[in-house]
C-alpha atoms as a PDB file:
ATOM      1  CA  MET A   1      -7.369  32.126  -8.998  1.00  0.00           C
ATOM      2  CA  MET A   2      -4.468  33.607 -11.141  1.00  0.00           C
ATOM      3  CA  ILE A   3      -1.156  31.677 -12.872  1.00  0.00           C
ATOM      4  CA  THR A   4       1.961  33.333 -13.153  1.00  0.00           C
ATOM      5  CA  ASP A   5       5.510  32.264 -14.389  1.00  0.00           C
ATOM      6  CA  ILE A   6       8.424  31.936 -11.696  1.00  0.00           C
ATOM      7  CA  ASP A   7      11.298  30.206 -12.064  1.00  0.00           C
ATOM      8  CA  ALA A   8      11.808  26.704 -11.373  1.00  0.00           C
ATOM      9  CA  ASP A   9      14.115  27.582  -7.799  1.00  0.00           C
ATOM     10  CA  THR A  10      11.535  28.950  -6.905  1.00  0.00           C
ATOM     11  CA  ARG A  11       8.512  26.899  -7.590  1.00  0.00           C
ATOM     12  CA  LYS A  12      10.740  24.356  -6.229  1.00  0.00           C
ATOM     13  CA  ASP A  13      11.027  26.089  -2.798  1.00  0.00           C
ATOM     14  CA  PHE A  14       7.239  27.002  -2.511  1.00  0.00           C
ATOM     15  CA  TYR A  15       5.144  24.692  -4.174  1.00  0.00           C
ATOM     16  CA  LYS A  16       5.203  22.181  -0.972  1.00  0.00           C
ATOM     17  CA  PRO A  17       3.498  24.774   1.383  1.00  0.00           C
ATOM     18  CA  VAL A  18       1.861  26.131  -0.889  1.00  0.00           C
ATOM     19  CA  SER A  19       0.176  22.730  -2.083  1.00  0.00           C
ATOM     20  CA  ASP A  20      -0.515  22.363   1.333  1.00  0.00           C
ATOM     21  CA  VAL A  21      -2.245  25.357   2.103  1.00  0.00           C
ATOM     22  CA  ILE A  22      -4.565  25.243  -1.030  1.00  0.00           C
ATOM     23  CA  GLY A  23      -4.979  21.459   0.263  1.00  0.00           C
ATOM     24  CA  ALA A  24      -6.116  22.753   3.835  1.00  0.00           C
ATOM     25  CA  LEU A  25      -8.370  25.486   2.766  1.00  0.00           C
ATOM     26  CA  ALA A  26     -10.072  22.901  -0.153  1.00  0.00           C
ATOM     27  CA  ASN A  27     -10.816  20.776   2.870  1.00  0.00           C
ATOM     28  CA  VAL A  28     -13.026  23.797   4.821  1.00  0.00           C
ATOM     29  CA  PHE A  29     -14.033  25.047   1.650  1.00  0.00           C
ATOM     30  CA  PRO A  30     -14.841  21.807  -1.106  1.00  0.00           C
ATOM     31  CA  SER A  31     -15.944  24.372  -3.751  1.00  0.00           C
ATOM     32  CA  LEU A  32     -12.212  25.696  -4.263  1.00  0.00           C
ATOM     33  CA  MET A  33     -11.450  22.644  -5.903  1.00  0.00           C
ATOM     34  CA  SER A  34     -13.853  24.007  -8.732  1.00  0.00           C
ATOM     35  CA  GLN A  35     -12.339  27.045  -9.179  1.00  0.00           C
ATOM     36  CA  ILE A  36      -8.742  24.822  -9.422  1.00  0.00           C
ATOM     37  CA  ILE A  37     -10.211  22.241 -11.833  1.00  0.00           C
ATOM     38  CA  GLY A  38     -11.094  25.626 -13.810  1.00  0.00           C
ATOM     39  CA  THR A  39      -7.963  27.358 -13.425  1.00  0.00           C
ATOM     40  CA  ILE A  40      -5.686  24.079 -14.308  1.00  0.00           C
ATOM     41  CA  ASP A  41      -8.246  23.545 -17.920  1.00  0.00           C
ATOM     42  CA  ARG A  42      -7.140  27.361 -19.001  1.00  0.00           C
ATOM     43  CA  SER A  43      -3.544  27.059 -17.953  1.00  0.00           C
ATOM     44  CA  PHE A  44      -2.348  22.824 -18.743  1.00  0.00           C
ATOM     45  CA  ALA A  45       0.138  23.112 -20.947  1.00  0.00           C
ATOM     46  CA  ALA A  46       2.102  25.805 -18.640  1.00  0.00           C
ATOM     47  CA  LEU A  47       2.083  23.605 -15.635  1.00  0.00           C
ATOM     48  CA  GLY A  48       3.129  20.372 -16.785  1.00  0.00           C
ATOM     49  CA  HIS A  49       2.890  17.611 -14.170  1.00  0.00           C
ATOM     50  CA  ALA A  50       2.124  19.886 -11.539  1.00  0.00           C
ATOM     51  CA  PRO A  51      -1.644  19.674 -11.317  1.00  0.00           C
ATOM     52  CA  SER A  52      -1.692  15.493 -10.611  1.00  0.00           C
ATOM     53  CA  TYR A  53       0.852  16.734  -7.529  1.00  0.00           C
ATOM     54  CA  LEU A  54      -1.711  19.514  -6.305  1.00  0.00           C
ATOM     55  CA  PHE A  55      -4.227  17.322  -6.573  1.00  0.00           C
ATOM     56  CA  LYS A  56      -2.989  14.561  -4.357  1.00  0.00           C
ATOM     57  CA  LYS A  57      -3.300  16.719  -1.750  1.00  0.00           C
ATOM     58  CA  LEU A  58      -6.834  17.736  -2.343  1.00  0.00           C
ATOM     59  CA  PRO A  59      -9.487  15.641  -0.290  1.00  0.00           C
ATOM     60  CA  LEU A  60     -11.417  14.552  -3.311  1.00  0.00           C
ATOM     61  CA  PHE A  61     -13.771  12.758  -1.331  1.00  0.00           C
ATOM     62  CA  LYS A  62     -15.608  16.240  -0.376  1.00  0.00           C
ATOM     63  CA  PHE A  63     -15.320  17.299  -4.080  1.00  0.00           C
ATOM     64  CA  LEU A  64     -18.793  17.857  -5.470  1.00  0.00           C
ATOM     65  CA  PRO A  65     -18.643  18.694  -8.817  1.00  0.00           C
ATOM     66  CA  THR A  66     -20.409  21.390 -10.998  1.00  0.00           C
ATOM     67  CA  ASP A  67     -21.730  20.648 -14.475  1.00  0.00           C
ATOM     68  CA  GLU A  68     -18.696  22.617 -15.721  1.00  0.00           C
ATOM     69  CA  ASP A  69     -16.403  20.817 -13.691  1.00  0.00           C
ATOM     70  CA  MET A  70     -17.440  17.481 -15.204  1.00  0.00           C
ATOM     71  CA  TRP A  71     -17.542  18.268 -18.335  1.00  0.00           C
ATOM     72  CA  LEU A  72     -14.173  19.368 -18.263  1.00  0.00           C
ATOM     73  CA  ILE A  73     -13.521  16.096 -16.894  1.00  0.00           C
ATOM     74  CA  GLN A  74     -14.899  14.096 -19.636  1.00  0.00           C
ATOM     75  CA  ASN A  75     -12.599  16.524 -22.520  1.00  0.00           C
ATOM     76  CA  TRP A  76      -9.596  15.749 -20.234  1.00  0.00           C
ATOM     77  CA  LEU A  77     -10.626  11.800 -20.684  1.00  0.00           C
ATOM     78  CA  VAL A  78     -10.688  12.094 -24.439  1.00  0.00           C
ATOM     79  CA  LYS A  79      -7.266  13.523 -24.562  1.00  0.00           C
ATOM     80  CA  PRO A  80      -4.299  10.887 -25.536  1.00  0.00           C
ATOM     81  CA  LEU A  81      -4.305   7.772 -23.083  1.00  0.00           C
ATOM     82  CA  GLU A  82      -0.633   9.146 -21.464  1.00  0.00           C
ATOM     83  CA  SER A  83      -1.500  12.694 -21.866  1.00  0.00           C
ATOM     84  CA  ASP A  84      -1.269  14.221 -18.187  1.00  0.00           C
ATOM     85  CA  GLU A  85      -4.985  15.925 -18.951  1.00  0.00           C
ATOM     86  CA  CYS A  86      -6.391  12.178 -19.173  1.00  0.00           C
ATOM     87  CA  LYS A  87      -4.377  10.830 -16.147  1.00  0.00           C
ATOM     88  CA  LEU A  88      -5.619  13.707 -14.489  1.00  0.00           C
ATOM     89  CA  ALA A  89      -9.302  12.856 -15.061  1.00  0.00           C
ATOM     90  CA  ARG A  90      -8.311   9.103 -13.824  1.00  0.00           C
ATOM     91  CA  TYR A  91      -7.145  10.329 -10.386  1.00  0.00           C
ATOM     92  CA  ILE A  92      -9.825  12.600 -10.074  1.00  0.00           C
ATOM     93  CA  LEU A  93     -12.787  10.275 -10.488  1.00  0.00           C
ATOM     94  CA  ASP A  94     -11.103   7.837  -8.982  1.00  0.00           C
ATOM     95  CA  HIS A  95     -10.763   9.640  -5.503  1.00  0.00           C
ATOM     96  CA  MET A  96     -14.074  11.193  -5.565  1.00  0.00           C
ATOM     97  CA  ASN A  97     -16.643  10.085  -2.968  1.00  0.00           C
ATOM     98  CA  TRP A  98     -19.097   7.640  -5.230  1.00  0.00           C
ATOM     99  CA  GLY A  99     -20.586   5.672  -2.080  1.00  0.00           C
ATOM    100  CA  LEU A 100     -22.937   7.063   0.696  1.00  0.00           C
ATOM    101  CA  CYS A 101     -23.316  10.130   2.443  1.00  0.00           C
ATOM    102  CA  GLU A 102     -21.774  10.163   6.217  1.00  0.00           C
ATOM    103  CA  GLN A 103     -24.190  12.375   7.716  1.00  0.00           C
ATOM    104  CA  THR A 104     -27.359  10.788   6.465  1.00  0.00           C
ATOM    105  CA  GLY A 105     -26.234   7.346   5.678  1.00  0.00           C
ATOM    106  CA  HIS A 106     -28.828   6.503   3.209  1.00  0.00           C
ATOM    107  CA  GLU A 107     -28.293   9.426   0.451  1.00  0.00           C
ATOM    108  CA  LEU A 108     -25.712   9.222  -2.501  1.00  0.00           C
ATOM    109  CA  PHE A 109     -23.061  11.700  -1.866  1.00  0.00           C
ATOM    110  CA  LEU A 110     -22.957  12.703  -4.972  1.00  0.00           C
ATOM    111  CA  SER A 111     -25.916  13.286  -6.850  1.00  0.00           C
ATOM    112  CA  ALA A 112     -27.941  10.383  -9.243  1.00  0.00           C
ATOM    113  CA  ALA A 113     -27.591  12.960 -12.117  1.00  0.00           C
ATOM    114  CA  THR A 114     -23.429  12.911 -11.680  1.00  0.00           C
ATOM    115  CA  HIS A 115     -23.703   9.147 -11.499  1.00  0.00           C
ATOM    116  CA  SER A 116     -25.875   8.705 -14.275  1.00  0.00           C
ATOM    117  CA  ARG A 117     -23.444  11.156 -16.567  1.00  0.00           C
ATOM    118  CA  THR A 118     -20.545   9.866 -15.502  1.00  0.00           C
ATOM    119  CA  ALA A 119     -20.847   6.125 -16.526  1.00  0.00           C
ATOM    120  CA  VAL A 120     -22.228   8.049 -20.075  1.00  0.00           C
ATOM    121  CA  PHE A 121     -19.544   9.500 -20.648  1.00  0.00           C
ATOM    122  CA  LEU A 122     -17.193   7.071 -19.082  1.00  0.00           C
ATOM    123  CA  VAL A 123     -18.384   4.497 -21.968  1.00  0.00           C
ATOM    124  CA  GLN A 124     -17.872   7.441 -24.512  1.00  0.00           C
ATOM    125  CA  ALA A 125     -14.334   8.109 -23.992  1.00  0.00           C
ATOM    126  CA  TYR A 126     -13.990   4.095 -23.833  1.00  0.00           C
ATOM    127  CA  PHE A 127     -15.648   4.067 -27.378  1.00  0.00           C
ATOM    128  CA  HIS A 128     -13.345   7.032 -28.415  1.00  0.00           C
ATOM    129  CA  HIS A 129     -10.028   5.398 -27.538  1.00  0.00           C
ATOM    130  CA  MET A 130     -10.837   2.247 -29.084  1.00  0.00           C
ATOM    131  CA  ALA A 131     -11.500   3.671 -32.320  1.00  0.00           C
ATOM    132  CA  GLU A 132      -8.273   4.987 -32.318  1.00  0.00           C
ATOM    133  CA  PRO A 133      -5.997   3.818 -35.073  1.00  0.00           C
ATOM    134  CA  GLN A 134      -3.203   1.471 -34.163  1.00  0.00           C
ATOM    135  CA  SER A 135      -1.108  -1.074 -35.675  1.00  0.00           C
ATOM    136  CA  PHE A 136      -0.716  -4.684 -34.284  1.00  0.00           C
ATOM    137  CA  PHE A 137       2.384  -4.606 -32.819  1.00  0.00           C
ATOM    138  CA  SER A 138       1.501  -1.096 -31.088  1.00  0.00           C
ATOM    139  CA  PHE A 139       3.452  -0.465 -27.506  1.00  0.00           C
ATOM    140  CA  SER A 140      -0.007   1.034 -26.510  1.00  0.00           C
ATOM    141  CA  ARG A 141      -1.557  -1.966 -26.630  1.00  0.00           C
ATOM    142  CA  SER A 142      -0.844  -2.225 -23.044  1.00  0.00           C
ATOM    143  CA  VAL A 143      -2.011   1.290 -22.667  1.00  0.00           C
ATOM    144  CA  ARG A 144      -5.675   0.552 -24.013  1.00  0.00           C
ATOM    145  CA  THR A 145      -6.086  -2.701 -21.891  1.00  0.00           C
ATOM    146  CA  GLU A 146      -5.061  -1.039 -18.944  1.00  0.00           C
ATOM    147  CA  PHE A 147      -8.137   2.174 -19.877  1.00  0.00           C
ATOM    148  CA  PHE A 148     -10.537  -0.847 -20.714  1.00  0.00           C
ATOM    149  CA  GLU A 149     -10.038  -2.475 -16.967  1.00  0.00           C
ATOM    150  CA  TRP A 150     -10.274   1.085 -15.572  1.00  0.00           C
ATOM    151  CA  CYS A 151     -13.440   2.016 -17.221  1.00  0.00           C
ATOM    152  CA  PHE A 152     -14.766  -0.997 -16.171  1.00  0.00           C
ATOM    153  CA  ALA A 153     -13.993  -0.012 -12.425  1.00  0.00           C
ATOM    154  CA  ALA A 154     -15.150   3.198 -12.852  1.00  0.00           C
ATOM    155  CA  ILE A 155     -18.566   1.882 -14.134  1.00  0.00           C
ATOM    156  CA  LEU A 156     -19.158  -0.722 -11.173  1.00  0.00           C
ATOM    157  CA  ARG A 157     -18.410   2.558  -8.763  1.00  0.00           C
ATOM    158  CA  THR A 158     -21.294   4.505 -10.339  1.00  0.00           C
ATOM    159  CA  ARG A 159     -24.835   3.675  -9.118  1.00  0.00           C
ATOM    160  CA  HIS A 160     -28.168   4.064 -11.262  1.00  0.00           C
ATOM    161  CA  TRP A 161     -30.897   1.986  -9.650  1.00  0.00           C
ATOM    162  CA  THR A 162     -32.931   1.929  -6.752  1.00  0.00           C
ATOM    163  CA  ILE A 163     -33.553  -1.774  -4.798  1.00  0.00           C
ATOM    164  CA  ASP A 164     -36.961  -1.783  -6.053  1.00  0.00           C
ATOM    165  CA  GLY A 165     -35.546  -1.377  -9.769  1.00  0.00           C
ATOM    166  CA  SER A 166     -36.614   2.359 -10.435  1.00  0.00           C
ATOM    167  CA  PRO A 167     -33.989   4.481 -11.833  1.00  0.00           C
ATOM    168  CA  MET A 168     -32.352   6.336  -9.030  1.00  0.00           C
ATOM    169  CA  ALA A 169     -32.092   9.749 -11.318  1.00  0.00           C
ATOM    170  CA  GLU A 170     -35.811  10.278 -12.212  1.00  0.00           C
ATOM    171  CA  GLN A 171     -35.174  13.377 -14.249  1.00  0.00           C
ATOM    172  CA  LEU A 172     -33.154  11.077 -16.514  1.00  0.00           C
ATOM    173  CA  ASP A 173     -34.630   8.454 -18.652  1.00  0.00           C
ATOM    174  CA  LEU A 174     -31.429   5.935 -18.946  1.00  0.00           C
ATOM    175  CA  THR A 175     -32.921   3.858 -21.574  1.00  0.00           C
ATOM    176  CA  THR A 176     -33.503   6.765 -24.335  1.00  0.00           C
ATOM    177  CA  LEU A 177     -30.236   8.609 -23.066  1.00  0.00           C
ATOM    178  CA  VAL A 178     -27.828   5.632 -22.829  1.00  0.00           C
ATOM    179  CA  GLY A 179     -29.659   2.861 -24.222  1.00  0.00           C
ATOM    180  CA  LYS A 180     -30.396   3.833 -27.293  1.00  0.00           C
ATOM    181  CA  SER A 181     -27.468   5.298 -28.252  1.00  0.00           C
ATOM    182  CA  LEU A 182     -25.211   2.097 -26.625  1.00  0.00           C
ATOM    183  CA  LEU A 183     -27.590  -0.182 -28.614  1.00  0.00           C
ATOM    184  CA  GLU A 184     -26.998   2.085 -32.113  1.00  0.00           C
ATOM    185  CA  GLU A 185     -23.095   1.624 -30.797  1.00  0.00           C
ATOM    186  CA  ILE A 186     -23.528  -2.034 -30.711  1.00  0.00           C
ATOM    187  CA  LYS A 187     -25.657  -2.458 -34.175  1.00  0.00           C
ATOM    188  CA  GLY A 188     -23.139  -1.062 -36.141  1.00  0.00           C
ATOM    189  CA  LYS A 189     -20.092  -3.230 -34.808  1.00  0.00           C
ATOM    190  CA  PRO A 190     -19.710  -6.785 -36.201  1.00  0.00           C
ATOM    191  CA  GLU A 191     -18.221  -7.650 -33.203  1.00  0.00           C
ATOM    192  CA  PRO A 192     -19.678  -5.664 -30.025  1.00  0.00           C
ATOM    193  CA  ASP A 193     -17.603  -5.172 -27.214  1.00  0.00           C
ATOM    194  CA  ILE A 194     -17.751  -6.655 -23.976  1.00  0.00           C
ATOM    195  CA  LEU A 195     -18.366  -3.299 -22.210  1.00  0.00           C
ATOM    196  CA  SER A 196     -20.593  -2.300 -24.725  1.00  0.00           C
ATOM    197  CA  VAL A 197     -23.004  -4.974 -23.592  1.00  0.00           C
ATOM    198  CA  PHE A 198     -22.555  -4.710 -19.855  1.00  0.00           C
ATOM    199  CA  ALA A 199     -22.860  -0.883 -20.334  1.00  0.00           C
ATOM    200  CA  CYS A 200     -26.514  -1.740 -22.058  1.00  0.00           C
ATOM    201  CA  LEU A 201     -27.685  -4.399 -19.302  1.00  0.00           C
ATOM    202  CA  GLU A 202     -26.174  -2.368 -16.463  1.00  0.00           C
ATOM    203  CA  PHE A 203     -27.895   1.016 -17.488  1.00  0.00           C
ATOM    204  CA  THR A 204     -31.045   0.461 -19.132  1.00  0.00           C
ATOM    205  CA  HIS A 205     -34.197  -1.655 -18.373  1.00  0.00           C
ATOM    206  CA  ILE A 206     -32.768  -4.325 -20.483  1.00  0.00           C
ATOM    207  CA  GLY A 207     -30.707  -5.924 -17.437  1.00  0.00           C
ATOM    208  CA  ARG A 208     -33.217  -5.276 -15.174  1.00  0.00           C
ATOM    209  CA  LYS A 209     -36.689  -6.363 -16.328  1.00  0.00           C
ATOM    210  CA  PRO A 210     -37.138 -10.622 -17.284  1.00  0.00           C
ATOM    211  CA  THR A 211     -39.376  -9.920 -19.900  1.00  0.00           C
ATOM    212  CA  VAL A 212     -37.030  -7.175 -21.913  1.00  0.00           C
ATOM    213  CA  PHE A 213     -34.414  -8.950 -21.020  1.00  0.00           C
ATOM    214  CA  PHE A 214     -35.512 -12.421 -22.498  1.00  0.00           C
ATOM    215  CA  GLU A 215     -36.327 -10.408 -25.475  1.00  0.00           C
ATOM    216  CA  ARG A 216     -33.262  -8.746 -25.555  1.00  0.00           C
ATOM    217  CA  GLY A 217     -30.605  -9.503 -22.945  1.00  0.00           C
ATOM    218  CA  VAL A 218     -29.867 -12.745 -24.144  1.00  0.00           C
ATOM    219  CA  LYS A 219     -28.635 -12.110 -27.475  1.00  0.00           C
ATOM    220  CA  MET A 220     -26.517  -9.873 -25.662  1.00  0.00           C
ATOM    221  CA  LEU A 221     -24.868 -12.506 -23.724  1.00  0.00           C
ATOM    222  CA  GLN A 222     -24.538 -14.238 -26.754  1.00  0.00           C
ATOM    223  CA  LEU A 223     -22.264 -11.501 -28.301  1.00  0.00           C
ATOM    224  CA  VAL A 224     -20.217 -11.754 -24.917  1.00  0.00           C
ATOM    225  CA  VAL A 225     -19.686 -16.015 -25.300  1.00  0.00           C
ATOM    226  CA  ARG A 226     -18.915 -15.052 -29.046  1.00  0.00           C
ATOM    227  CA  ILE A 227     -16.208 -12.421 -28.161  1.00  0.00           C
ATOM    228  CA  ILE A 228     -14.956 -14.723 -25.063  1.00  0.00           C
ATOM    229  CA  ILE A 229     -14.397 -17.627 -27.526  1.00  0.00           C
ATOM    230  CA  VAL A 230     -12.676 -15.929 -30.084  1.00  0.00           C
ATOM    231  CA  ILE A 231     -10.164 -14.596 -27.286  1.00  0.00           C
ATOM    232  CA  VAL A 232      -9.435 -18.399 -26.408  1.00  0.00           C
ATOM    233  CA  VAL A 233      -9.223 -18.983 -29.586  1.00  0.00           C
ATOM    234  CA  VAL A 234      -6.315 -16.268 -30.341  1.00  0.00           C
ATOM    235  CA  VAL A 235      -4.764 -16.980 -27.405  1.00  0.00           C
ATOM    236  CA  VAL A 236      -4.851 -20.935 -27.554  1.00  0.00           C
ATOM    237  CA  VAL A 237      -3.149 -19.776 -31.219  1.00  0.00           C
ATOM    238  CA  VAL A 238      -0.563 -17.805 -30.370  1.00  0.00           C
ATOM    239  CA  VAL A 239       0.432 -20.237 -27.498  1.00  0.00           C
ATOM    240  CA  VAL A 240       0.999 -22.901 -30.261  1.00  0.00           C
ATOM    241  CA  VAL A 241       2.528 -20.704 -32.700  1.00  0.00           C
ATOM    242  CA  VAL A 242       4.981 -19.559 -29.842  1.00  0.00           C
ATOM    243  CA  VAL A 243       5.808 -23.507 -28.732  1.00  0.00           C
ATOM    244  CA  VAL A 244       6.094 -24.476 -32.431  1.00  0.00           C
ATOM    245  CA  GLY A 245       8.598 -21.824 -32.557  1.00  0.00           C
ATOM    246  CA  VAL A 246      10.725 -22.481 -29.882  1.00  0.00           C
ATOM    247  CA  ALA A 247      10.426 -26.251 -31.043  1.00  0.00           C
ATOM    248  CA  VAL A 248      12.046 -25.365 -34.324  1.00  0.00           C
ATOM    249  CA  VAL A 249      14.648 -23.722 -32.830  1.00  0.00           C
ATOM    250  CA  ILE A 250      15.927 -26.471 -30.403  1.00  0.00           C
ATOM    251  CA  VAL A 251      16.031 -28.685 -33.187  1.00  0.00           C
ATOM    252  CA  VAL A 252      17.886 -26.284 -35.371  1.00  0.00           C
ATOM    253  CA  GLY A 253      20.138 -25.874 -32.416  1.00  0.00           C
ATOM    254  CA  VAL A 254      20.555 -29.714 -31.729  1.00  0.00           C
ATOM    255  CA  GLY A 255      20.974 -30.307 -35.521  1.00  0.00           C
ATOM    256  CA  VAL A 256      24.316 -27.888 -35.421  1.00  0.00           C
END
């Protein structure tokens, strides 16, 4: 695929019919979506918002990403939260088929390795964005909160365990690949965040084997409780401050 510069009027006239054709072709040849992702990555700066519009025409529920595709999506996800790359990565992940294959009804449509790898880089992207500096009154706070909620929901879509408690991705040792790094992240934080604890409990044997859970998982849940208590206290303090402030304004107004 090649991208060439065309004037704005021509682009506007041909965008819809061309995107419809590409969408129809991708419906018949799903592997075309891998080529589109690679082409867009090489030309993102020149394309503006166009990729977002194009991907709304693509049958992403048929998309079987390659390792390179997932690597590119991972790179887009760690771009600034309000960037076109990050938004497109989230859109793609939201519309991929994380469920079962319609033909068999019992096998995952995407490979177990894709589920595991996606969950890992979702947590890594979360750590990346949460570590970015911001001021207390930053307007990006709501954007970060939204990203946290999105990460949590996206991770819940991924599947890692069979009914008998075995890892679906047999070639991956989830405890070694994910658990160790996440546990190190938690150990290095005075107040670990909820997603870190959830990821360890969900991805590793800590949340699956009773003996390991009572040895290490209970301590993690205690951390979650501490975090929730801190959040509640902060909210109560903010409410009290606001109420007192309003009361003072009313009293001053009445006195005047």
